[in-house]
Amino acid sequence: MHLVIDIGNTRAKYALFDHQDNLVLRDVVLKRHAASVLKKVIPKYPVTAAIITGTSEIDDFLIRNLQEISVFIHMDSNTKTPVKNLYLTPSLLGRDRLAAAVGAYKRFAGQSVLIIDMGTCITMNYLTSSGEFIGGNISPGIKMRLKAMHKFTARLPLVEIEIPAEDFGRNTVRALQNGAVKGAFREIDSFIDEIRIKYGLINIILTGGDAEMFESYTKNMIFVAPNLVLEGLNEILKYNVK
């Protein structure tokens, strides 16, 4: 089996795939618990290869445990992938963005894809039909927008993520939700429309924690893939152990 791990700022996602690419196990834990959890998980399964990537520092103890597996890849800018990376600063590119592009490449080989990841930040990345990762845009995620308005003002409250039914917020809570939540959704919809006008028919694939909420709002035809980054990491691992 293949073990794939994506370390975020506060949480760690991990999954096990069998030799037929079936998802056998998937879980999300707090980043600080990842090493102890995986130390218990690994002996329970016939793990022959593993890959890890992260947007923040990764625990040394976890790395040492993973190094005991027959094949281990700590993904960096030099790791080979089945897509061609045309990003001008590859060392600064988030590995999760590239892994998501690889996952999209597997799902839509030979087709262009716009990959939207709605997590801590909202990233929108373009993969050409020939498998070239061009790059994309990064903007604050919904929670970050709400937290920023609370933190950097004297009186605005921190509110929950909800999609108001009304067009105009008639109280401060609804006004914040309209601005942050619907504002983010309209930003994404507008970008999708712009890309389709410029590049023609393109697949839209959506992932990240707020993906399902956006799916319920947009009228654009999109594909939701909550495990896209993990699927991409599995593809990268397979590509390097051939």
Protein backbone atom coordinates (compact mmCIF):
# COMPACT_ATOMS: atom_id res chain seq x y z
CA MET A 1 0.00 0.00 0.00
CA HIS A 2 0.94 3.64 -0.47
CA LEU A 3 0.79 6.11 2.41
CA VAL A 4 0.33 9.77 1.45
CA ILE A 5 0.44 12.67 3.91
CA ASP A 6 -0.39 16.35 3.49
CA ILE A 7 0.65 18.53 6.43
CA GLY A 8 -1.22 21.84 6.68
CA ASN A 9 -0.85 24.77 9.05
CA THR A 10 -2.93 23.19 11.82
CA ARG A 11 -4.11 19.81 10.49
CA ALA A 12 -2.62 16.79 8.78
CA LYS A 13 -4.46 14.69 6.20
CA TYR A 14 -3.32 11.18 5.41
CA ALA A 15 -4.58 8.34 3.26
CA LEU A 16 -3.74 4.79 2.25
CA PHE A 17 -4.18 3.60 -1.35
CA ASP A 18 -3.95 0.00 -2.50
CA HIS A 19 -2.23 -1.13 -5.71
CA GLN A 20 -5.42 -0.47 -7.69
CA ASP A 21 -5.63 3.13 -6.44
CA ASN A 22 -8.57 2.38 -4.15
CA LEU A 23 -8.77 4.65 -1.12
CA VAL A 24 -8.49 2.26 1.83
CA LEU A 25 -8.21 4.76 4.66
CA ARG A 26 -8.42 8.53 5.03
CA ASP A 27 -8.27 10.67 8.15
CA VAL A 28 -7.60 14.20 9.36
CA VAL A 29 -5.81 14.89 12.65
CA LEU A 30 -4.31 17.90 14.35
CA LYS A 31 -0.82 18.52 13.06
CA ARG A 32 0.73 18.08 16.51
CA HIS A 33 -0.78 14.59 16.77
CA ALA A 34 0.25 13.39 13.30
CA ALA A 35 3.48 11.66 14.34
CA SER A 36 1.92 9.65 17.18
CA VAL A 37 -1.16 8.71 15.13
CA LEU A 38 0.81 7.54 12.11
CA LYS A 39 3.26 5.60 14.27
CA LYS A 40 0.26 3.45 15.27
CA VAL A 41 -1.29 3.30 11.78
CA ILE A 42 1.75 2.25 9.74
CA PRO A 43 2.35 -1.18 11.41
CA LYS A 44 -1.30 -2.16 10.80
CA TYR A 45 -0.99 -2.05 7.00
CA PRO A 46 1.50 -3.40 4.42
CA VAL A 47 2.91 0.04 3.57
CA THR A 48 5.63 -0.25 0.93
CA ALA A 49 5.97 3.41 -0.08
CA ALA A 50 5.17 6.80 1.41
CA ILE A 51 5.22 10.46 0.44
CA ILE A 52 4.80 13.56 2.56
CA THR A 53 4.41 17.23 1.78
CA GLY A 54 3.56 20.24 3.87
CA THR A 55 2.87 23.95 3.89
CA SER A 56 4.61 24.25 7.27
CA GLU A 57 7.46 22.62 9.18
CA ILE A 58 7.16 18.85 9.55
CA ASP A 59 7.96 17.03 12.79
CA ASP A 60 11.41 15.34 12.70
CA PHE A 61 10.05 12.35 14.62
CA LEU A 62 7.46 11.76 11.91
CA ILE A 63 10.12 11.99 9.19
CA ARG A 64 12.31 9.44 10.98
CA ASN A 65 9.40 7.01 11.20
CA LEU A 66 8.63 7.40 7.51
CA GLN A 67 12.28 6.86 6.57
CA GLU A 68 11.94 3.29 7.86
CA ILE A 69 9.52 2.52 4.99
CA SER A 70 11.13 0.90 1.93
CA VAL A 71 10.42 3.87 -0.37
CA PHE A 72 9.98 7.33 1.15
CA ILE A 73 9.71 10.68 -0.65
CA HIS A 74 9.78 14.01 1.14
CA MET A 75 8.34 16.05 -1.70
CA ASP A 76 10.20 19.20 -2.72
CA SER A 77 10.70 21.28 -5.87
CA ASN A 78 13.01 18.62 -7.33
CA THR A 79 10.53 15.75 -7.00
CA LYS A 80 9.54 14.40 -10.41
CA THR A 81 5.85 14.66 -11.35
CA PRO A 82 3.80 13.55 -14.38
CA VAL A 83 2.96 17.19 -15.16
CA LYS A 84 5.38 19.79 -16.48
CA ASN A 85 5.84 22.58 -13.96
CA LEU A 86 6.16 25.96 -15.71
CA TYR A 87 5.91 28.01 -12.50
CA LEU A 88 8.67 30.63 -12.53
CA THR A 89 9.56 30.15 -8.85
CA PRO A 90 9.15 26.38 -8.32
CA SER A 91 10.87 26.41 -4.91
CA LEU A 92 8.16 28.76 -3.61
CA LEU A 93 5.24 26.86 -5.10
CA GLY A 94 3.02 25.16 -2.53
CA ARG A 95 3.41 21.41 -2.98
CA ASP A 96 -0.31 20.96 -2.34
CA ARG A 97 -1.05 23.14 -5.39
CA LEU A 98 1.16 20.96 -7.58
CA ALA A 99 -0.23 17.74 -6.10
CA ALA A 100 -3.79 18.93 -6.81
CA ALA A 101 -2.77 19.60 -10.42
CA VAL A 102 -1.43 16.05 -10.70
CA GLY A 103 -4.69 14.71 -9.28
CA ALA A 104 -6.61 16.76 -11.86
CA TYR A 105 -4.30 15.51 -14.62
CA LYS A 106 -5.18 11.92 -13.76
CA ARG A 107 -8.92 12.65 -13.83
CA PHE A 108 -8.87 14.76 -17.01
CA ALA A 109 -5.86 13.59 -19.01
CA GLY A 110 -5.61 15.47 -22.30
CA GLN A 111 -8.02 18.20 -21.15
CA SER A 112 -7.45 21.64 -19.67
CA VAL A 113 -8.48 22.10 -16.04
CA LEU A 114 -8.98 24.97 -13.63
CA ILE A 115 -8.26 23.66 -10.13
CA ILE A 116 -9.89 25.59 -7.29
CA ASP A 117 -8.85 24.78 -3.73
CA MET A 118 -11.01 26.45 -1.06
CA GLY A 119 -9.02 26.05 2.13
CA THR A 120 -7.17 28.50 4.36
CA CYS A 121 -6.47 30.37 1.15
CA ILE A 122 -8.36 30.13 -2.12
CA THR A 123 -6.09 29.04 -4.94
CA MET A 124 -7.10 28.86 -8.60
CA ASN A 125 -4.58 27.12 -10.82
CA TYR A 126 -4.52 26.31 -14.53
CA LEU A 127 -3.41 23.02 -16.08
CA THR A 128 -3.22 22.87 -19.87
CA SER A 129 -4.51 20.00 -22.00
CA SER A 130 -0.90 18.95 -22.59
CA GLY A 131 -0.27 18.61 -18.86
CA GLU A 132 1.55 21.89 -18.23
CA PHE A 133 1.07 23.56 -14.85
CA ILE A 134 1.01 27.28 -15.62
CA GLY A 135 0.32 28.74 -12.17
CA GLY A 136 -2.61 30.64 -10.78
CA ASN A 137 -3.98 33.02 -8.16
CA ILE A 138 -4.02 33.06 -4.37
CA SER A 139 -6.50 35.01 -2.27
CA PRO A 140 -7.70 34.82 1.36
CA GLY A 141 -10.03 31.97 2.23
CA ILE A 142 -13.46 32.63 3.73
CA LYS A 143 -12.43 32.10 7.37
CA MET A 144 -9.40 34.30 6.84
CA ARG A 145 -11.59 37.11 5.44
CA LEU A 146 -13.93 36.96 8.42
CA LYS A 147 -11.09 36.78 10.94
CA ALA A 148 -9.24 39.67 9.30
CA MET A 149 -12.27 41.98 9.48
CA HIS A 150 -12.68 41.10 13.16
CA LYS A 151 -8.99 41.43 14.05
CA PHE A 152 -8.18 44.63 12.17
CA THR A 153 -11.22 46.64 13.25
CA ALA A 154 -12.36 47.84 16.63
CA ARG A 155 -15.99 46.71 16.64
CA LEU A 156 -16.71 44.15 13.93
CA PRO A 157 -17.57 40.74 15.45
CA LEU A 158 -16.20 37.36 14.42
CA VAL A 159 -19.11 35.58 12.74
CA GLU A 160 -19.87 32.06 11.55
CA ILE A 161 -19.68 31.03 7.91
CA GLU A 162 -23.19 31.11 6.47
CA ILE A 163 -24.71 32.04 3.11
CA PRO A 164 -27.37 34.71 3.71
CA ALA A 165 -30.51 34.46 1.61
CA GLU A 166 -30.86 38.23 1.27
CA ASP A 167 -28.86 40.34 -1.17
CA PHE A 168 -28.22 43.11 1.36
CA GLY A 169 -27.27 42.42 4.96
CA ARG A 170 -29.67 44.28 7.22
CA ASN A 171 -27.50 43.72 10.28
CA THR A 172 -23.74 43.58 10.81
CA VAL A 173 -23.54 39.79 10.97
CA ARG A 174 -25.35 39.37 7.65
CA ALA A 175 -23.36 42.20 6.09
CA LEU A 176 -20.08 40.48 7.03
CA GLN A 177 -21.31 37.12 5.75
CA ASN A 178 -22.51 38.63 2.48
CA GLY A 179 -19.19 40.39 1.98
CA ALA A 180 -16.88 37.53 2.94
CA VAL A 181 -18.79 34.42 1.87
CA LYS A 182 -20.73 35.62 -1.15
CA GLY A 183 -17.85 37.92 -2.04
CA ALA A 184 -15.50 34.93 -2.27
CA PHE A 185 -18.04 32.95 -4.28
CA ARG A 186 -18.57 35.81 -6.73
CA GLU A 187 -14.81 36.20 -7.08
CA ILE A 188 -14.50 32.55 -8.09
CA ASP A 189 -17.52 32.60 -10.41
CA SER A 190 -16.24 35.73 -12.13
CA PHE A 191 -12.81 34.17 -12.65
CA ILE A 192 -14.36 30.99 -14.08
CA ASP A 193 -16.37 33.08 -16.55
CA GLU A 194 -13.29 35.08 -17.53
CA ILE A 195 -11.17 31.96 -18.10
CA ARG A 196 -13.87 30.28 -20.19
CA ILE A 197 -14.18 33.35 -22.39
CA LYS A 198 -10.42 33.47 -22.91
CA TYR A 199 -9.59 29.75 -23.14
CA GLY A 200 -12.86 28.14 -24.21
CA LEU A 201 -14.42 25.06 -22.65
CA ILE A 202 -12.45 24.04 -19.58
CA ASN A 203 -13.04 21.55 -16.77
CA ILE A 204 -13.51 23.02 -13.30
CA ILE A 205 -12.45 20.83 -10.39
CA LEU A 206 -13.06 21.93 -6.82
CA THR A 207 -11.47 20.78 -3.58
CA GLY A 208 -10.87 22.05 -0.05
CA GLY A 209 -12.93 22.48 3.08
CA ASP A 210 -15.39 25.03 1.66
CA ALA A 211 -15.83 23.28 -1.70
CA GLU A 212 -19.26 21.76 -1.05
CA MET A 213 -20.65 25.08 0.13
CA PHE A 214 -19.56 26.78 -3.08
CA GLU A 215 -20.95 23.90 -5.14
CA SER A 216 -24.40 24.60 -3.67
CA TYR A 217 -24.12 28.27 -4.64
CA THR A 218 -22.61 28.36 -8.12
CA LYS A 219 -24.45 27.74 -11.39
CA ASN A 220 -21.22 26.70 -13.11
CA MET A 221 -20.71 23.04 -13.95
CA ILE A 222 -17.97 21.85 -11.62
CA PHE A 223 -16.54 18.59 -10.31
CA VAL A 224 -15.99 18.29 -6.55
CA ALA A 225 -13.03 16.13 -5.48
CA PRO A 226 -12.42 16.41 -1.72
CA ASN A 227 -9.36 14.11 -1.85
CA LEU A 228 -7.71 15.67 -4.89
CA VAL A 229 -4.42 16.57 -3.17
CA LEU A 230 -4.11 13.10 -1.65
CA GLU A 231 -4.90 11.49 -5.02
CA GLY A 232 -2.24 13.66 -6.62
CA LEU A 233 0.33 12.69 -4.02
CA ASN A 234 -0.40 9.03 -4.72
CA GLU A 235 0.15 9.63 -8.44
CA ILE A 236 3.46 11.39 -7.74
CA LEU A 237 4.54 8.50 -5.54
CA LYS A 238 3.66 5.97 -8.24
CA TYR A 239 5.50 8.06 -10.84
CA ASN A 240 8.69 7.95 -8.76
CA VAL A 241 8.65 4.24 -7.87
CA LYS A 242 8.16 2.85 -11.38
